[in-house]
Amino acid sequence: MHRDRRFFAGLVGVAAVVSYLIYTGISDTMVYYLTPSELLTRIEESPETMERGVKVNGMLVPGSYVHSTHELLHTFVVEDPNDASVRMTVEFRHPLPDTFDDSGEMEVEVVMQGRYRADGLFEATEVLTKCGSRYEAMPEMPPQADVNEGVGGMIG
């Protein structure tokens, strides 16, 4: 009986330690999405926010993309999804995702991780584009005639 209590106490202790490690691991790596408006408000309230990495969600402004010919530098502008008057210029020094398109043919939602700098630029270390929710099905092709049709129906 005494042995069962020690086993149960050890099991509870191990479960508590594992739960604590999972909780701290998740909360340390969790980064919330902010809109440009929310980020600028947080920076006004607490300037040290600029020292921390954040994720920002915005809509790509069509025609704002500029690529440097001298170095791997992409610059573009995103606007707040809730207030189009709030815009933020973004610098990114890595290859852009294939779905990045500022032609204006479709709205592109961008999620960036990085830091807001004192000069007013958002320096992104990661850029993701959300895929459009509207995909059009390809038109159905008429069924093709069977290659063996007209040969008597028997292959032999």
Protein backbone atom coordinates (compact mmCIF):
# COMPACT_ATOMS: atom_id res chain seq x y z
CA MET A 1 0.00 0.00 0.00
CA HIS A 2 2.83 2.39 0.92
CA ARG A 3 4.55 1.53 -2.36
CA ASP A 4 1.44 2.45 -4.38
CA ARG A 5 1.33 5.91 -2.77
CA ARG A 6 4.95 6.64 -3.70
CA PHE A 7 4.33 5.49 -7.27
CA PHE A 8 1.21 7.68 -7.52
CA ALA A 9 3.06 10.68 -6.02
CA GLY A 10 5.92 10.19 -8.49
CA LEU A 11 3.49 9.92 -11.38
CA VAL A 12 1.75 13.15 -10.33
CA GLY A 13 5.14 14.89 -10.02
CA VAL A 14 6.25 13.78 -13.49
CA ALA A 15 2.90 14.86 -14.98
CA ALA A 16 3.22 18.27 -13.31
CA VAL A 17 6.76 18.80 -14.66
CA VAL A 18 5.76 17.74 -18.18
CA SER A 19 2.68 20.00 -18.08
CA TYR A 20 4.81 22.95 -16.93
CA LEU A 21 7.36 22.38 -19.70
CA ILE A 22 4.64 22.18 -22.36
CA TYR A 23 2.95 25.34 -21.05
CA THR A 24 6.15 27.40 -20.95
CA GLY A 25 7.27 26.08 -24.34
CA ILE A 26 4.01 27.07 -25.99
CA SER A 27 3.73 30.48 -24.34
CA ASP A 28 7.37 31.37 -25.12
CA THR A 29 6.99 30.60 -28.83
CA MET A 30 3.46 31.94 -29.26
CA VAL A 31 3.29 35.17 -31.25
CA TYR A 32 -0.07 36.83 -31.82
CA TYR A 33 -1.09 38.46 -35.10
CA LEU A 34 -1.54 42.21 -34.88
CA THR A 35 -2.97 44.58 -37.43
CA PRO A 36 -0.83 47.61 -38.33
CA SER A 37 -3.18 49.80 -36.23
CA GLU A 38 -2.80 47.54 -33.19
CA LEU A 39 0.99 47.47 -33.58
CA LEU A 40 1.26 51.26 -33.78
CA THR A 41 -1.02 51.63 -30.74
CA ARG A 42 1.11 49.19 -28.73
CA ILE A 43 4.28 51.05 -29.70
CA GLU A 44 2.75 54.36 -28.54
CA GLU A 45 1.79 52.78 -25.21
CA SER A 46 5.03 50.84 -24.78
CA PRO A 47 8.03 51.80 -26.98
CA GLU A 48 9.92 48.63 -25.97
CA THR A 49 7.48 46.75 -28.22
CA MET A 50 9.86 47.70 -31.07
CA GLU A 51 12.54 45.49 -29.52
CA ARG A 52 10.34 42.38 -29.62
CA GLY A 53 9.39 40.38 -32.66
CA VAL A 54 5.73 40.48 -33.64
CA LYS A 55 3.49 39.06 -36.35
CA VAL A 56 1.52 41.56 -38.37
CA ASN A 57 -1.39 40.80 -40.67
CA GLY A 58 -2.23 43.23 -43.46
CA MET A 59 -3.47 43.58 -47.02
CA LEU A 60 -0.87 44.15 -49.74
CA VAL A 61 -1.32 47.52 -51.47
CA PRO A 62 -1.38 46.82 -55.24
CA GLY A 63 1.51 48.39 -57.14
CA SER A 64 3.55 49.10 -54.01
CA TYR A 65 6.15 46.35 -54.53
CA VAL A 66 9.71 47.45 -55.36
CA HIS A 67 12.66 45.06 -55.80
CA SER A 68 16.26 46.24 -55.49
CA THR A 69 18.52 45.34 -58.40
CA HIS A 70 21.68 45.63 -56.26
CA GLU A 71 20.75 43.35 -53.38
CA LEU A 72 18.08 40.93 -52.20
CA LEU A 73 15.71 43.57 -50.85
CA HIS A 74 11.95 43.65 -51.31
CA THR A 75 9.94 46.69 -50.24
CA PHE A 76 6.15 46.83 -50.23
CA VAL A 77 3.28 48.47 -48.38
CA VAL A 78 0.53 46.79 -46.40
CA GLU A 79 -2.63 48.37 -45.09
CA ASP A 80 -4.73 47.54 -42.08
CA PRO A 81 -7.54 45.14 -43.06
CA ASN A 82 -9.95 47.12 -40.85
CA ASP A 83 -8.74 50.67 -41.67
CA ALA A 84 -7.24 51.22 -45.13
CA SER A 85 -5.91 54.63 -44.08
CA VAL A 86 -3.30 52.95 -41.82
CA ARG A 87 -0.39 51.77 -43.93
CA MET A 88 3.02 50.33 -43.14
CA THR A 89 6.10 49.99 -45.35
CA VAL A 90 7.80 46.60 -45.12
CA GLU A 91 11.38 45.57 -45.96
CA PHE A 92 12.18 41.91 -46.53
CA ARG A 93 15.60 40.47 -47.42
CA HIS A 94 14.72 36.90 -48.39
CA PRO A 95 12.94 35.32 -51.37
CA LEU A 96 9.21 36.06 -51.46
CA PRO A 97 6.59 33.29 -51.55
CA ASP A 98 5.30 32.26 -54.99
CA THR A 99 1.80 33.49 -54.13
CA PHE A 100 3.01 37.07 -53.54
CA ASP A 101 1.30 39.14 -56.25
CA ASP A 102 0.78 42.91 -56.19
CA SER A 103 -0.80 43.18 -59.63
CA GLY A 104 -4.13 44.12 -58.10
CA GLU A 105 -6.00 41.30 -59.84
CA MET A 106 -6.83 39.81 -56.45
CA GLU A 107 -6.52 40.86 -52.83
CA VAL A 108 -3.43 39.44 -51.16
CA GLU A 109 -3.36 39.04 -47.40
CA VAL A 110 0.17 39.05 -45.98
CA VAL A 111 1.41 37.84 -42.59
CA MET A 112 4.85 39.12 -41.61
CA GLN A 113 7.03 38.37 -38.64
CA GLY A 114 9.68 40.87 -37.63
CA ARG A 115 10.31 44.17 -35.86
CA TYR A 116 9.01 47.70 -36.28
CA ARG A 117 12.03 49.98 -36.51
CA ALA A 118 12.42 53.52 -35.18
CA ASP A 119 12.60 54.87 -38.77
CA GLY A 120 8.98 53.72 -39.36
CA LEU A 121 9.73 50.60 -41.43
CA PHE A 122 8.71 47.08 -40.54
CA GLU A 123 11.73 44.81 -41.00
CA ALA A 124 10.28 41.39 -41.78
CA THR A 125 12.21 38.20 -41.17
CA GLU A 126 9.40 36.04 -42.54
CA VAL A 127 6.65 36.78 -45.05
CA LEU A 128 3.71 34.50 -45.75
CA THR A 129 0.81 35.11 -48.09
CA LYS A 130 -2.57 33.66 -47.35
CA CYS A 131 -4.08 31.79 -50.26
CA GLY A 132 -7.29 33.17 -51.66
CA SER A 133 -10.42 31.45 -50.48
CA ARG A 134 -11.91 31.53 -53.96
CA TYR A 135 -10.63 28.87 -56.27
CA GLU A 136 -12.37 28.32 -59.55
CA ALA A 137 -12.83 24.80 -60.80
CA MET A 138 -11.34 23.99 -64.16
CA PRO A 139 -13.96 23.53 -66.87
CA GLU A 140 -14.81 19.91 -67.44
CA MET A 141 -13.38 18.39 -70.57
CA PRO A 142 -15.66 16.31 -72.78
CA PRO A 143 -14.95 12.59 -72.45
CA GLN A 144 -12.42 11.43 -75.00
CA ALA A 145 -13.32 8.61 -77.36
CA ASP A 146 -11.89 5.24 -76.46
CA VAL A 147 -8.76 4.53 -78.48
CA ASN A 148 -9.90 0.96 -79.15
CA GLU A 149 -13.36 1.99 -80.29
CA GLY A 150 -14.22 0.80 -83.78
CA VAL A 151 -11.88 -2.20 -83.70
CA GLY A 152 -14.68 -4.62 -83.11
CA GLY A 153 -14.73 -4.03 -79.37
CA MET A 154 -12.32 -6.90 -78.77
CA ILE A 155 -8.68 -6.73 -78.03
CA GLY A 156 -6.94 -9.76 -78.61
